[in-house]
Protein backbone atom coordinates (compact mmCIF):
# COMPACT_ATOMS: atom_id res chain seq x y z
CA MET A 1 -183.00 -22.52 14.87
CA ASP A 2 -183.37 -20.40 11.76
CA PHE A 3 -183.27 -16.67 11.11
CA HIS A 4 -186.96 -16.11 11.71
CA GLU A 5 -186.83 -18.01 14.98
CA HIS A 6 -183.83 -16.03 16.06
CA CYS A 7 -185.69 -12.79 15.38
CA ALA A 8 -188.77 -13.94 17.35
CA GLU A 9 -186.56 -15.07 20.18
CA ILE A 10 -184.83 -11.63 20.49
CA LEU A 11 -188.28 -10.28 21.36
CA ARG A 12 -189.11 -13.10 23.74
CA GLN A 13 -185.77 -12.91 25.58
CA THR A 14 -186.17 -9.17 25.92
CA GLU A 15 -189.67 -9.64 27.39
CA LEU A 16 -188.28 -12.24 29.83
CA LEU A 17 -185.45 -9.88 30.75
CA ALA A 18 -187.88 -7.04 31.47
CA ALA A 19 -189.98 -9.32 33.65
CA ALA A 20 -186.87 -10.60 35.53
CA VAL A 21 -185.86 -7.09 36.60
CA ASP A 22 -189.30 -5.69 37.27
CA GLY A 23 -189.05 -4.00 40.65
CA ALA A 24 -185.41 -5.03 41.15
CA ASP A 25 -182.73 -2.77 42.68
CA ARG A 26 -180.93 -1.25 39.70
CA THR A 27 -177.88 -0.49 41.84
CA VAL A 28 -177.08 -4.13 42.63
CA ARG A 29 -173.78 -5.31 41.11
CA VAL A 30 -173.78 -7.89 38.34
CA ALA A 31 -171.45 -10.84 39.15
CA ALA A 32 -170.50 -11.58 35.55
CA CYS A 33 -169.78 -7.88 34.84
CA PRO A 34 -168.66 -6.65 38.29
CA GLU A 35 -167.89 -3.15 37.01
CA TRP A 36 -171.50 -2.73 36.13
CA ASN A 37 -174.69 -2.50 38.19
CA LEU A 38 -178.01 -3.84 36.97
CA GLY A 39 -179.01 -0.50 35.50
CA GLN A 40 -175.84 -0.37 33.40
CA LEU A 41 -176.40 -3.98 32.27
CA LEU A 42 -179.85 -3.10 31.01
CA ASP A 43 -178.51 -0.01 29.22
CA HIS A 44 -175.81 -2.22 27.62
CA VAL A 45 -178.42 -4.70 26.34
CA SER A 46 -180.66 -2.05 24.85
CA THR A 47 -177.72 -0.08 23.42
CA GLY A 48 -176.57 -3.27 21.82
CA HIS A 49 -179.91 -3.75 20.13
CA ARG A 50 -179.79 -0.22 18.78
CA TRP A 51 -176.16 -0.60 17.65
CA ALA A 52 -176.93 -3.83 15.77
CA GLU A 53 -180.08 -2.23 14.25
CA GLU A 54 -178.02 0.66 12.86
CA THR A 55 -175.40 -1.75 11.55
CA VAL A 56 -177.98 -3.76 9.60
CA ARG A 57 -180.13 -0.77 8.53
CA THR A 58 -177.20 1.15 7.09
CA ARG A 59 -175.61 -2.02 5.61
CA ALA A 60 -172.41 -0.96 7.38
CA ASP A 61 -169.19 -2.26 5.86
CA HIS A 62 -167.15 -1.70 9.03
CA TRP A 63 -167.48 -1.90 12.82
CA LEU A 64 -169.58 1.05 13.92
CA PRO A 65 -168.46 3.14 16.95
CA ASP A 66 -169.43 1.33 20.13
CA ASP A 67 -168.30 3.52 23.04
CA GLU A 68 -171.87 3.66 24.43
CA LEU A 69 -172.09 -0.12 24.15
CA ARG A 70 -168.84 -0.71 26.03
CA ASN A 71 -169.43 2.03 28.62
CA PRO A 72 -173.10 1.81 29.59
CA VAL A 73 -174.69 4.28 31.93
CA ASP A 74 -177.34 3.85 34.64
CA THR A 75 -179.83 6.35 33.32
CA ALA A 76 -183.61 6.34 33.99
CA ARG A 77 -185.33 5.22 30.83
CA PRO A 78 -189.02 4.98 29.74
CA ALA A 79 -190.68 1.73 30.66
CA SER A 80 -190.69 0.68 27.03
CA TRP A 81 -186.96 1.34 26.45
CA LEU A 82 -185.88 -2.29 26.37
CA ALA A 83 -188.80 -3.46 24.27
CA ASP A 84 -188.51 -0.57 21.81
CA GLY A 85 -184.83 -1.33 21.08
CA ALA A 86 -185.58 -5.00 20.53
CA LYS A 87 -188.56 -4.29 18.31
CA ALA A 88 -186.53 -1.87 16.18
CA LEU A 89 -183.77 -4.44 15.70
CA VAL A 90 -186.15 -7.22 14.80
CA SER A 91 -188.10 -5.01 12.39
CA THR A 92 -184.92 -4.03 10.62
CA LEU A 93 -183.63 -7.64 10.49
CA ARG A 94 -186.91 -8.91 9.04
CA GLU A 95 -186.93 -6.15 6.42
CA ALA A 96 -183.31 -6.82 5.50
CA GLY A 97 -183.63 -10.64 5.33
CA PRO A 98 -181.03 -13.15 6.46
CA ASP A 99 -178.74 -12.75 3.44
CA ALA A 100 -178.44 -8.95 3.44
CA GLU A 101 -174.81 -7.95 2.94
CA VAL A 102 -173.51 -6.24 6.11
CA PHE A 103 -170.23 -6.27 7.99
CA THR A 104 -169.74 -8.87 10.69
CA PRO A 105 -166.78 -9.28 13.06
CA VAL A 106 -166.23 -12.90 12.12
CA PRO A 107 -163.11 -13.14 9.92
CA ASN A 108 -163.81 -14.96 6.66
CA GLY A 109 -167.44 -15.41 7.69
CA PRO A 110 -170.38 -14.59 5.45
CA PRO A 111 -171.31 -10.89 5.76
CA ARG A 112 -174.93 -11.49 6.42
CA ALA A 113 -177.67 -9.97 8.60
CA ALA A 114 -178.40 -13.51 9.89
CA PHE A 115 -175.26 -13.21 12.08
CA TYR A 116 -176.89 -10.35 14.03
CA ALA A 117 -180.16 -12.18 14.53
CA ARG A 118 -178.42 -15.17 16.12
CA ARG A 119 -175.80 -13.15 17.99
CA PHE A 120 -178.28 -10.80 19.61
CA MET A 121 -180.70 -13.56 20.49
CA ASN A 122 -177.89 -15.17 22.46
CA GLU A 123 -176.46 -11.91 23.75
CA THR A 124 -179.89 -11.03 25.17
CA LEU A 125 -180.26 -14.54 26.61
CA LEU A 126 -176.97 -14.49 28.49
CA HIS A 127 -177.52 -11.01 29.86
CA ARG A 128 -180.99 -12.12 30.93
CA ALA A 129 -179.19 -14.77 32.95
CA ASP A 130 -176.88 -12.10 34.44
CA ALA A 131 -179.82 -9.88 35.30
CA THR A 132 -181.91 -12.75 36.73
CA LEU A 133 -179.07 -13.91 38.95
CA ALA A 134 -178.34 -10.36 40.07
CA ALA A 135 -182.00 -9.95 41.04
CA SER A 136 -181.92 -13.26 42.93
CA GLY A 137 -184.30 -14.87 40.47
CA GLU A 138 -184.33 -18.36 38.95
CA PHE A 139 -182.96 -18.59 35.39
CA THR A 140 -184.43 -21.06 32.97
CA VAL A 141 -184.06 -21.45 29.25
CA ALA A 142 -185.90 -23.45 26.62
CA PRO A 143 -183.88 -26.43 25.39
CA GLU A 144 -183.82 -25.39 21.75
CA VAL A 145 -182.56 -21.94 22.71
CA ALA A 146 -179.85 -23.33 24.94
CA HIS A 147 -178.82 -25.77 22.25
CA ASP A 148 -178.48 -22.96 19.70
CA ALA A 149 -176.56 -20.81 22.15
CA MET A 150 -174.10 -23.59 22.96
CA GLU A 151 -173.44 -24.31 19.33
CA GLU A 152 -172.90 -20.60 18.54
CA TRP A 153 -170.49 -20.42 21.50
CA LEU A 154 -168.58 -23.40 20.18
CA GLU A 155 -168.45 -21.96 16.66
CA LEU A 156 -167.19 -18.56 17.75
CA GLY A 157 -164.87 -20.02 20.37
CA SER A 158 -163.22 -22.29 17.74
CA LEU A 159 -162.21 -19.45 15.38
CA PRO A 160 -158.47 -19.96 14.77
CA GLN A 161 -157.93 -16.17 14.98
CA LEU A 162 -158.54 -16.43 18.71
CA LEU A 163 -155.15 -18.15 19.12
CA GLU A 164 -153.63 -14.84 17.93
CA TYR A 165 -155.72 -12.75 20.28
CA VAL A 166 -155.22 -15.12 23.28
CA PRO A 167 -151.94 -16.94 22.63
CA GLU A 168 -152.22 -18.65 26.01
CA ARG A 169 -154.91 -20.87 24.47
CA ARG A 170 -152.20 -22.67 22.57
CA THR A 171 -151.14 -24.31 25.84
CA LEU A 172 -154.44 -26.11 25.87
CA HIS A 173 -153.60 -28.08 22.74
CA GLY A 174 -151.97 -31.51 22.84
CA PRO A 175 -152.49 -35.20 22.39
CA ASP A 176 -155.74 -36.57 23.82
CA ARG A 177 -156.96 -33.08 24.67
CA THR A 178 -160.72 -33.62 24.22
CA ILE A 179 -163.54 -32.20 26.36
CA HIS A 180 -166.94 -33.77 26.42
CA LEU A 181 -169.86 -31.44 27.30
CA ALA A 182 -172.66 -33.81 28.19
CA PRO A 183 -176.14 -32.43 29.07
CA THR A 184 -178.04 -34.62 31.48
CA ASP A 185 -181.41 -33.48 30.19
CA HIS A 186 -180.88 -33.37 26.42
CA THR A 187 -180.04 -35.78 23.67
CA ALA A 188 -177.23 -33.59 22.31
CA SER A 189 -173.67 -33.49 23.48
CA TRP A 190 -170.48 -31.95 22.14
CA THR A 191 -166.75 -32.59 21.92
CA VAL A 192 -164.23 -29.82 22.04
CA ASP A 193 -161.22 -31.22 20.16
CA LEU A 194 -157.90 -29.61 20.93
CA THR A 195 -155.71 -32.45 19.74
CA GLY A 196 -154.58 -30.53 16.63
CA ASP A 197 -153.01 -27.15 15.95
CA GLN A 198 -156.39 -25.45 15.61
CA PRO A 199 -159.41 -25.57 17.90
CA ALA A 200 -162.30 -27.67 16.70
CA TRP A 201 -165.55 -29.16 17.91
CA HIS A 202 -168.16 -31.62 16.80
CA PRO A 203 -171.49 -32.97 18.00
CA GLY A 204 -171.46 -36.13 20.00
CA PRO A 205 -168.91 -37.71 22.35
CA PRO A 206 -165.28 -38.39 21.59
CA ALA A 207 -163.87 -41.92 21.48
CA THR A 208 -162.12 -41.06 24.71
CA ALA A 209 -162.36 -37.78 26.68
CA ALA A 210 -159.71 -36.12 28.75
CA VAL A 211 -162.52 -34.75 30.84
CA THR A 212 -166.29 -34.90 30.80
CA ALA A 213 -168.64 -32.33 32.28
CA ALA A 214 -172.20 -33.49 32.78
CA ALA A 215 -174.97 -31.15 33.92
CA PRO A 216 -178.36 -29.82 32.77
CA LEU A 217 -177.94 -28.06 29.42
CA GLY A 218 -178.77 -24.59 30.77
CA ASP A 219 -176.18 -24.98 33.54
CA LEU A 220 -173.54 -26.19 31.04
CA LEU A 221 -174.24 -23.12 28.91
CA LEU A 222 -173.79 -20.78 31.90
CA MET A 223 -170.62 -22.69 32.85
CA VAL A 224 -168.88 -22.24 29.51
CA TYR A 225 -169.90 -18.58 29.51
CA GLY A 226 -168.30 -18.20 32.98
CA ARG A 227 -171.60 -17.55 34.78
CA LEU A 228 -171.52 -20.71 36.87
CA SER A 229 -168.62 -22.54 38.46
CA PRO A 230 -167.56 -25.79 36.89
CA GLU A 231 -168.37 -27.39 40.18
CA ILE A 232 -172.03 -27.38 39.13
CA ALA A 233 -171.18 -30.27 36.76
CA HIS A 234 -170.39 -33.87 37.47
CA ARG A 235 -166.82 -34.00 36.23
CA THR A 236 -164.79 -37.08 35.38
CA GLY A 237 -161.23 -37.15 34.13
CA ASP A 238 -158.77 -34.31 34.20
CA THR A 239 -160.71 -31.69 36.08
CA GLU A 240 -157.73 -29.39 36.37
CA TYR A 241 -157.55 -29.28 32.61
CA LEU A 242 -161.23 -28.40 32.39
CA ASP A 243 -160.74 -25.54 34.86
CA ARG A 244 -157.76 -24.23 32.90
CA TRP A 245 -159.70 -24.45 29.63
CA LEU A 246 -162.64 -22.56 31.08
CA SER A 247 -160.30 -19.88 32.43
CA LEU A 248 -158.95 -19.15 28.89
CA VAL A 249 -162.00 -19.44 26.65
CA GLY A 250 -164.43 -17.02 28.15
CA PHE A 251 -166.11 -14.28 26.09
CA GLY A 252 -169.39 -12.47 26.17
């Protein structure tokens, strides 16, 4: 997916999120964010859109204050609150263009507005899953969106700096430490390669896998994001290693 598709999908995912929570109990707890209820989750999503919009609009060269983002509140908002935040973000992104110089939190990455289009498409998508599950709904995702979200997760999760932030991840590395993520309903698959000193990944299967997890792509995406148990997948090989990997690589 490209920048313009990411922008359009921010709007679509926000519309789907609003529909998923229409009439839902805002006090219900969110399993993936147990300290938040549904109302706080929605506030977090919309505050995130507004935070990213300010970052891009002002061409920020540093991480803007994010206390409201990290500590959402359950406050009654106008019916258009979610949509308005998404529309403002997308308008600013489109005006800026994908190559606008702006701070991103990815070390050594290109400081471009395109980062925020992709990140907030996928941020909105995953929190839509959280909200849908909290509201006892059925979560579905288009294959091309799930594919993009999985590859962004792999890219961000393979940043070598994460070994400094979470040194326990080093224990995952060793000979033959490869994980095959194999969608059962998509032609793509991915290998997480932890055989070297730095985390890596590539499309396609490994020559041999320490463990393979096979499931529908949407389920695999929610699994790596810690929203679904690894038991949703058909697992072959070292399942204990898969469980340990998943316990250490979560973010978002």
